[in-house]
Amino acid sequence: ILKIHSKNVVLSPEVDLHKIAGRTPGFVGADLANLINEAALLAARFGKSEIGQEELEEAVDRTIAGPERRSMVMTEEDKKITAYHEGGHALVGFALPNADPVHKATIIPRGRSLGHTLSLPTEDRVHMRRSEMVDRLAMMLGGRTAEELIFVDPTTGAADDISKATDLARRMVMEWGMSDRLGPMKYGQPEGQVFLGRDYTSHQDYSDDVASIIDEEIRKLITRAHDEARTILTTHREALDRLAEALIERETLDEDEIKEVLHDVHKWEHLGDGSMRI
């Protein structure tokens, strides 16, 4: 599809559309058209007569995380905290067997964030396994856990991570029947129709006792993910330090650079009792 949307623009011979396609799973035709247009605008801004790989990569980052905020001045302390935070995400995602591959980690502010770690599946998927979501939860909490491990006193930087992890855990329990204790049931029914000016809401169709169990199951998923992230980061503390130092020095690391820094980190294995081993 990328070839179709890029047929009316001039691409540099070095452009690898397969690599861009690997970074844009789930993108529909309109998204890809906007991506090519953004890359063309970037090339024109830099006075180039053709679109290069750099412009396409930047267009993907802009689409996913927003434009860079180079004008934002970060203190050395904020830079270090952000480097360990993003390093925590990247290391946990790199080590877990069912997490999506880590494509990039950066401490350059984009949109509302001071940095971001990008992990994407290698292909479009319709279904996601429970094991994949469990590993995704641990990766989401990897940044917060790294802050706790290195600085003891965590910051507000993990607010969005915590919100997304909690939402995912809640859906696993209430919508997708992924709690062994509650079984394959859906809890909470839609209330009314969704239309302009009205948000999607649901009403409680279960007892207070069941609500308490739902809270416990959500907490269990979050706690387990947090513990897994801490185990990985504690075990690979030296690798975390190397990754943070590399981010402070280079600001952005791509997939190959991350693999190089984490050369001694091997995939972990989930055991049947809920524990992990290298």
Protein backbone atom coordinates (compact mmCIF):
# COMPACT_ATOMS: atom_id res chain seq x y z
CA ILE A 1 0.00 0.00 0.00
CA LEU A 2 2.92 2.35 0.71
CA LYS A 3 4.10 1.91 -2.87
CA ILE A 4 0.67 3.00 -4.13
CA HIS A 5 0.62 6.16 -1.99
CA SER A 6 4.22 7.04 -2.84
CA LYS A 7 3.99 6.61 -6.62
CA ASN A 8 3.45 10.36 -7.19
CA VAL A 9 6.47 11.49 -5.14
CA VAL A 10 10.20 11.14 -5.74
CA LEU A 11 11.86 8.74 -3.32
CA SER A 12 15.58 8.51 -2.72
CA PRO A 13 17.17 5.21 -3.88
CA GLU A 14 18.14 4.48 -0.25
CA VAL A 15 14.50 4.40 0.92
CA ASP A 16 13.40 1.07 2.39
CA LEU A 17 9.59 0.98 2.27
CA HIS A 18 9.54 -2.48 3.88
CA LYS A 19 11.15 -1.01 6.98
CA ILE A 20 8.60 1.81 7.10
CA ALA A 21 5.79 -0.71 6.61
CA GLY A 22 7.14 -2.64 9.61
CA ARG A 23 6.84 0.50 11.73
CA THR A 24 3.27 1.26 10.65
CA PRO A 25 1.14 -1.82 11.42
CA GLY A 26 -2.52 -0.92 11.69
CA PHE A 27 -2.16 2.17 9.50
CA VAL A 28 -4.97 2.45 6.95
CA GLY A 29 -4.71 4.05 3.51
CA ALA A 30 -5.49 7.57 4.75
CA ASP A 31 -2.84 7.26 7.49
CA LEU A 32 -0.21 6.20 4.95
CA ALA A 33 -1.20 9.02 2.58
CA ASN A 34 -0.77 11.53 5.42
CA LEU A 35 2.56 9.92 6.26
CA ILE A 36 3.86 10.42 2.72
CA ASN A 37 2.57 14.01 2.65
CA GLU A 38 4.32 14.76 5.96
CA ALA A 39 7.57 13.29 4.64
CA ALA A 40 7.26 15.38 1.46
CA LEU A 41 6.77 18.55 3.52
CA LEU A 42 9.84 17.71 5.62
CA ALA A 43 11.94 17.13 2.50
CA ALA A 44 10.80 20.46 1.02
CA ARG A 45 11.58 22.24 4.29
CA PHE A 46 15.15 20.94 4.11
CA GLY A 47 15.47 21.92 0.45
CA LYS A 48 15.60 18.34 -0.83
CA SER A 49 14.30 17.30 -4.23
CA GLU A 50 13.47 13.76 -3.08
CA ILE A 51 12.16 12.05 0.04
CA GLY A 52 14.76 10.13 1.99
CA GLN A 53 14.58 7.48 4.69
CA GLU A 54 15.23 10.15 7.32
CA GLU A 55 12.14 12.12 6.32
CA LEU A 56 9.96 9.00 6.30
CA GLU A 57 11.23 7.91 9.74
CA GLU A 58 10.59 11.39 11.14
CA ALA A 59 7.11 11.41 9.61
CA VAL A 60 6.33 8.12 11.38
CA ASP A 61 7.53 9.54 14.70
CA ARG A 62 5.48 12.70 14.21
CA THR A 63 2.37 10.66 13.42
CA ILE A 64 2.77 8.42 16.48
CA ALA A 65 4.26 10.72 19.13
CA GLY A 66 3.97 14.28 17.81
CA PRO A 67 6.60 16.79 16.62
CA GLU A 68 9.92 17.27 18.34
CA ARG A 69 10.17 20.06 20.91
CA ARG A 70 13.82 20.97 20.45
CA SER A 71 13.21 24.38 21.99
CA MET A 72 12.37 22.80 25.34
CA VAL A 73 15.33 23.06 27.72
CA MET A 74 15.80 20.07 30.04
CA THR A 75 18.03 20.15 33.09
CA GLU A 76 20.72 17.49 33.43
CA GLU A 77 18.68 15.86 36.19
CA ASP A 78 15.54 15.71 34.04
CA LYS A 79 17.59 14.32 31.16
CA LYS A 80 19.02 11.59 33.40
CA ILE A 81 15.61 10.68 34.83
CA THR A 82 14.12 10.51 31.34
CA ALA A 83 17.03 8.39 30.08
CA TYR A 84 16.54 5.82 32.85
CA HIS A 85 12.76 5.94 32.39
CA GLU A 86 12.92 5.23 28.65
CA GLY A 87 15.76 2.79 29.22
CA GLY A 88 13.52 0.90 31.63
CA HIS A 89 10.79 0.59 29.01
CA ALA A 90 13.26 -0.53 26.35
CA LEU A 91 15.11 -3.06 28.52
CA VAL A 92 11.98 -4.73 29.87
CA GLY A 93 10.45 -4.89 26.38
CA PHE A 94 13.71 -6.26 24.97
CA ALA A 95 13.94 -9.04 27.58
CA LEU A 96 10.34 -10.27 27.60
CA PRO A 97 9.55 -13.08 25.15
CA ASN A 98 6.06 -11.94 24.13
CA ALA A 99 6.58 -8.16 23.93
CA ASP A 100 6.62 -6.36 20.59
CA PRO A 101 10.13 -5.59 19.27
CA VAL A 102 11.60 -2.29 20.48
CA HIS A 103 12.20 -0.07 17.43
CA LYS A 104 13.43 3.12 19.03
CA ALA A 105 14.08 4.88 22.33
CA THR A 106 14.60 8.62 22.60
CA ILE A 107 14.83 11.34 25.22
CA ILE A 108 13.98 14.10 22.75
CA PRO A 109 10.69 15.70 23.87
CA ARG A 110 7.78 15.08 21.50
CA GLY A 111 4.21 16.23 21.90
CA ARG A 112 3.43 16.11 25.63
CA SER A 113 6.15 13.62 26.54
CA LEU A 114 9.80 14.18 27.48
CA GLY A 115 10.78 11.05 25.59
CA HIS A 116 9.30 7.84 24.28
CA THR A 117 10.07 4.22 23.55
CA LEU A 118 8.49 2.78 20.44
CA SER A 119 7.67 -0.92 20.20
CA LEU A 120 5.68 -2.26 17.29
CA PRO A 121 4.58 -5.70 16.06
CA THR A 122 6.32 -7.02 12.96
CA GLU A 123 3.00 -7.51 11.17
CA ASP A 124 -0.67 -6.53 11.34
CA ARG A 125 -2.60 -8.61 13.86
CA VAL A 126 -6.28 -9.06 14.59
CA HIS A 127 -5.91 -11.01 17.82
CA MET A 128 -3.63 -10.58 20.81
CA ARG A 129 -2.83 -13.33 23.28
CA ARG A 130 -3.06 -12.95 27.04
CA SER A 131 0.68 -13.62 27.37
CA GLU A 132 1.39 -10.73 25.01
CA MET A 133 -0.76 -8.37 27.05
CA VAL A 134 0.89 -9.49 30.30
CA ASP A 135 4.30 -8.64 28.82
CA ARG A 136 2.97 -5.36 27.49
CA LEU A 137 1.86 -4.43 31.02
CA ALA A 138 5.37 -5.08 32.35
CA MET A 139 6.91 -2.97 29.60
CA MET A 140 4.46 -0.14 30.30
CA LEU A 141 5.60 -0.12 33.93
CA GLY A 142 9.29 -0.47 33.07
CA GLY A 143 9.86 3.28 33.10
CA ARG A 144 8.29 3.86 36.52
CA THR A 145 10.10 0.81 37.92
CA ALA A 146 13.46 2.07 36.64
CA GLU A 147 12.86 5.39 38.39
CA GLU A 148 12.12 3.57 41.65
CA LEU A 149 15.20 1.38 41.29
CA ILE A 150 17.66 4.18 40.45
CA PHE A 151 16.26 7.26 42.19
CA VAL A 152 14.04 5.64 44.87
CA ASP A 153 11.73 8.67 44.69
CA PRO A 154 9.58 8.28 41.51
CA THR A 155 8.33 11.24 39.47
CA THR A 156 5.08 12.20 37.77
CA GLY A 157 6.54 11.16 34.41
CA ALA A 158 4.85 7.76 34.52
CA ALA A 159 1.30 9.10 34.81
CA ASP A 160 0.34 8.17 31.23
CA ASP A 161 2.02 4.75 31.52
CA ILE A 162 0.11 3.97 34.72
CA SER A 163 -3.18 5.11 33.17
CA LYS A 164 -2.71 2.95 30.06
CA ALA A 165 -1.57 -0.08 32.08
CA THR A 166 -4.57 0.20 34.40
CA ASP A 167 -6.97 0.52 31.45
CA LEU A 168 -5.44 -2.54 29.77
CA ALA A 169 -5.61 -4.62 32.95
CA ARG A 170 -9.22 -3.55 33.49
CA ARG A 171 -10.21 -4.61 29.98
CA MET A 172 -8.42 -7.93 30.41
CA VAL A 173 -10.51 -8.65 33.50
CA MET A 174 -13.85 -7.07 32.60
CA GLU A 175 -14.11 -7.45 28.82
CA TRP A 176 -11.90 -10.30 27.66
CA GLY A 177 -12.42 -12.87 30.42
CA MET A 178 -8.71 -13.17 31.21
CA SER A 179 -9.08 -13.59 34.97
CA ASP A 180 -8.89 -17.21 36.13
CA ARG A 181 -10.83 -16.30 39.26
CA LEU A 182 -13.73 -14.59 37.46
CA GLY A 183 -13.73 -16.76 34.36
CA PRO A 184 -14.82 -15.96 30.79
CA MET A 185 -17.49 -13.40 31.61
CA LYS A 186 -18.03 -9.76 30.68
CA TYR A 187 -18.70 -7.30 33.46
CA GLY A 188 -20.30 -3.89 32.87
CA GLN A 189 -22.88 -3.33 30.15
CA PRO A 190 -23.01 -0.32 27.80
CA GLU A 191 -25.36 2.39 28.96
CA GLY A 192 -27.18 4.17 26.16
CA GLN A 193 -25.94 5.00 22.66
CA VAL A 194 -22.70 6.78 21.89
CA PHE A 195 -23.29 9.95 19.92
CA LEU A 196 -21.94 13.46 19.57
CA GLY A 197 -21.56 15.07 22.98
CA ARG A 198 -21.95 11.87 24.96
CA ASP A 199 -19.16 9.55 26.09
CA TYR A 200 -19.30 5.79 26.22
CA THR A 201 -20.42 4.75 29.70
CA SER A 202 -21.36 1.50 31.38
CA HIS A 203 -23.45 0.57 34.36
CA GLN A 204 -22.59 -1.94 37.06
CA ASP A 205 -24.42 -5.21 36.42
CA TYR A 206 -22.65 -7.17 39.14
CA SER A 207 -22.66 -7.29 42.93
CA ASP A 208 -20.39 -5.32 45.24
CA ASP A 209 -18.64 -8.57 46.14
CA VAL A 210 -17.80 -9.17 42.48
CA ALA A 211 -16.67 -5.54 42.15
CA SER A 212 -14.23 -6.16 44.97
CA ILE A 213 -12.87 -9.24 43.19
CA ILE A 214 -12.51 -7.25 39.96
CA ASP A 215 -10.42 -4.66 41.82
CA GLU A 216 -8.27 -7.44 43.28
CA GLU A 217 -7.72 -9.07 39.88
CA ILE A 218 -6.76 -5.76 38.26
CA ARG A 219 -4.37 -5.04 41.11
CA LYS A 220 -2.91 -8.55 40.77
CA LEU A 221 -2.12 -8.01 37.08
CA ILE A 222 -0.53 -4.61 37.75
CA THR A 223 1.46 -5.88 40.74
CA ARG A 224 2.74 -8.88 38.82
CA ALA A 225 3.80 -6.67 35.90
CA HIS A 226 5.55 -4.30 38.28
CA ASP A 227 7.37 -7.19 39.97
CA GLU A 228 8.44 -8.65 36.62
CA ALA A 229 9.81 -5.31 35.49
CA ARG A 230 11.74 -4.91 38.76
CA THR A 231 13.20 -8.44 38.49
CA ILE A 232 14.45 -7.80 34.95
CA LEU A 233 15.87 -4.37 35.71
CA THR A 234 17.55 -5.53 38.91
CA THR A 235 19.11 -8.51 37.18
CA HIS A 236 20.34 -6.39 34.27
CA ARG A 237 21.24 -3.27 36.24
CA GLU A 238 24.55 -2.81 34.39
CA ALA A 239 22.76 -3.02 31.04
CA LEU A 240 20.24 -0.42 32.24
CA ASP A 241 23.09 1.92 33.17
CA ARG A 242 24.69 1.43 29.73
CA LEU A 243 21.39 2.11 27.99
CA ALA A 244 20.73 5.29 29.98
CA GLU A 245 24.27 6.54 29.32
CA ALA A 246 23.89 5.87 25.60
CA LEU A 247 20.59 7.78 25.54
CA ILE A 248 22.12 10.74 27.38
CA GLU A 249 25.01 10.78 24.92
CA ARG A 250 23.12 10.16 21.65
CA GLU A 251 19.54 11.14 22.61
CA THR A 252 18.02 8.61 20.20
CA LEU A 253 18.78 4.91 19.73
CA ASP A 254 17.35 2.81 16.91
CA GLU A 255 16.66 -0.93 17.03
CA ASP A 256 20.17 -2.00 16.02
CA GLU A 257 21.81 0.39 18.49
CA ILE A 258 19.62 -0.90 21.32
CA LYS A 259 20.55 -4.48 20.46
CA GLU A 260 24.22 -3.49 20.50
CA VAL A 261 23.96 -1.90 23.95
CA LEU A 262 21.95 -4.85 25.31
CA HIS A 263 24.17 -7.50 23.74
CA ASP A 264 24.35 -9.53 26.96
CA VAL A 265 20.62 -9.46 27.74
CA HIS A 266 18.83 -12.67 26.79
CA LYS A 267 15.14 -13.39 26.51
CA TRP A 268 13.44 -14.41 29.74
CA GLU A 269 11.07 -17.36 30.05
CA HIS A 270 7.72 -17.43 31.83
CA LEU A 271 7.24 -20.42 34.10
CA GLY A 272 3.95 -22.13 34.91
CA ASP A 273 3.89 -20.82 38.50
CA GLY A 274 3.93 -17.20 37.31
CA SER A 275 7.65 -16.69 37.92
CA MET A 276 10.35 -16.04 35.31
CA ARG A 277 13.87 -17.21 34.55
CA ILE A 278 16.55 -16.26 32.04
